[in-house]
Amino acid sequence: MSDPIAGWIWSRNLRAFLELLSRYVGYDFDETDWQAIEAGVQETDDEVSGSWYRYAVVGTNATVQVALARAVGGEEVSVSVTGAETPELQLRTDTLMSAFAGI
């Protein structure tokens, strides 16, 4: 199993991050997914490990586990993705995180 790919993104980019990650694993991310994640991440705190929200993205190409937590008092969301086993998916996931932290 590969190491988790972890970082942070701006909360305004969370949906776009998840939509693109889902596309890479072969999953059709929809409004129901977004509603579940949006509700699940509300009461999280990135400084309390047990409060992170976890969501499995099961696609035709891969299955990844996404853990999310808000920075209380900030606009950031901490993200950790496990299950990105191929070098291509690892690079894409890392690039998405970097891009959505920068814009």
Protein backbone atom coordinates (compact mmCIF):
# COMPACT_ATOMS: atom_id res chain seq x y z
CA MET A 1 0.00 0.00 0.00
CA SER A 2 1.28 3.45 -0.89
CA ASP A 3 1.80 6.28 1.56
CA PRO A 4 -1.03 8.78 1.99
CA ILE A 5 -0.85 11.89 -0.14
CA ALA A 6 -1.59 14.73 2.23
CA GLY A 7 -1.80 18.49 2.15
CA TRP A 8 -4.38 21.22 2.17
CA ILE A 9 -6.56 23.09 -0.30
CA TRP A 10 -8.78 26.15 -0.08
CA SER A 11 -12.30 25.17 0.96
CA ARG A 12 -13.74 26.93 -2.09
CA ASN A 13 -11.90 24.36 -4.25
CA LEU A 14 -13.04 21.23 -2.41
CA ARG A 15 -15.80 20.24 -4.83
CA ALA A 16 -13.63 20.73 -7.91
CA PHE A 17 -10.82 18.74 -6.26
CA LEU A 18 -13.16 15.84 -5.53
CA GLU A 19 -14.78 15.95 -8.98
CA LEU A 20 -11.39 15.72 -10.72
CA LEU A 21 -10.03 13.07 -8.35
CA SER A 22 -13.21 11.05 -8.96
CA ARG A 23 -12.74 11.34 -12.71
CA TYR A 24 -9.18 10.02 -12.39
CA VAL A 25 -10.34 6.92 -10.48
CA GLY A 26 -13.27 6.33 -12.84
CA TYR A 27 -16.11 7.44 -10.60
CA ASP A 28 -19.02 9.68 -11.60
CA PHE A 29 -19.11 12.20 -8.74
CA ASP A 30 -22.59 13.69 -8.43
CA GLU A 31 -24.72 16.02 -6.34
CA THR A 32 -25.49 13.29 -3.78
CA ASP A 33 -21.77 12.79 -3.16
CA TRP A 34 -21.26 16.50 -2.75
CA GLN A 35 -24.15 16.86 -0.30
CA ALA A 36 -22.79 14.02 1.85
CA ILE A 37 -19.27 15.47 1.88
CA GLU A 38 -20.41 19.05 2.44
CA ALA A 39 -22.46 17.94 5.47
CA GLY A 40 -19.79 15.56 6.75
CA VAL A 41 -16.94 18.05 6.74
CA GLN A 42 -18.82 20.76 8.65
CA GLU A 43 -18.04 19.57 12.17
CA THR A 44 -14.43 18.54 11.51
CA ASP A 45 -11.25 19.98 12.96
CA ASP A 46 -7.90 19.31 11.32
CA GLU A 47 -6.18 19.45 14.71
CA VAL A 48 -8.29 16.60 16.14
CA SER A 49 -7.48 13.34 14.34
CA GLY A 50 -10.71 11.59 15.33
CA SER A 51 -12.88 14.33 13.88
CA TRP A 52 -11.84 13.97 10.24
CA TYR A 53 -14.52 13.02 7.70
CA ARG A 54 -13.72 10.00 5.54
CA TYR A 55 -15.23 9.23 2.16
CA ALA A 56 -14.47 6.30 -0.13
CA VAL A 57 -14.35 7.01 -3.85
CA VAL A 58 -14.84 3.67 -5.59
CA GLY A 59 -14.15 3.92 -9.29
CA THR A 60 -13.59 1.58 -12.21
CA ASN A 61 -9.83 2.36 -12.23
CA ALA A 62 -9.08 2.61 -8.50
CA THR A 63 -10.54 3.02 -5.04
CA VAL A 64 -9.26 5.84 -2.85
CA GLN A 65 -10.13 6.88 0.67
CA VAL A 66 -10.31 10.64 1.15
CA ALA A 67 -10.03 12.10 4.66
CA LEU A 68 -11.05 15.75 5.10
CA ALA A 69 -10.99 18.26 7.94
CA ARG A 70 -11.53 21.99 8.10
CA ALA A 71 -9.07 24.39 9.65
CA VAL A 72 -11.17 25.92 12.40
CA GLY A 73 -11.17 29.69 11.94
CA GLY A 74 -9.58 29.40 8.50
CA GLU A 75 -10.53 28.79 4.89
CA GLU A 76 -8.35 25.72 4.42
CA VAL A 77 -9.34 22.06 4.28
CA SER A 78 -6.74 19.44 5.15
CA VAL A 79 -6.83 16.49 2.77
CA SER A 80 -5.34 13.01 2.93
CA VAL A 81 -5.79 10.50 0.11
CA THR A 82 -4.90 6.83 0.52
CA GLY A 83 -5.13 4.12 -2.11
CA ALA A 84 -3.49 5.98 -5.00
CA GLU A 85 -1.39 2.96 -5.94
CA THR A 86 -0.14 3.81 -9.42
CA PRO A 87 2.56 6.41 -10.05
CA GLU A 88 0.20 8.22 -12.44
CA LEU A 89 -2.61 8.49 -9.87
CA GLN A 90 -0.14 9.54 -7.18
CA LEU A 91 1.19 12.32 -9.40
CA ARG A 92 -2.28 13.47 -10.41
CA THR A 93 -3.48 13.53 -6.80
CA ASP A 94 -0.43 15.46 -5.62
CA THR A 95 -0.76 17.90 -8.51
CA LEU A 96 -4.45 18.50 -7.76
CA MET A 97 -3.61 19.31 -4.14
CA SER A 98 -0.86 21.71 -5.14
CA ALA A 99 -3.03 23.42 -7.72
CA PHE A 100 -6.06 23.85 -5.46
CA ALA A 101 -3.89 25.22 -2.65
CA GLY A 102 -2.50 27.83 -5.01
CA ILE A 103 -5.66 29.27 -6.55
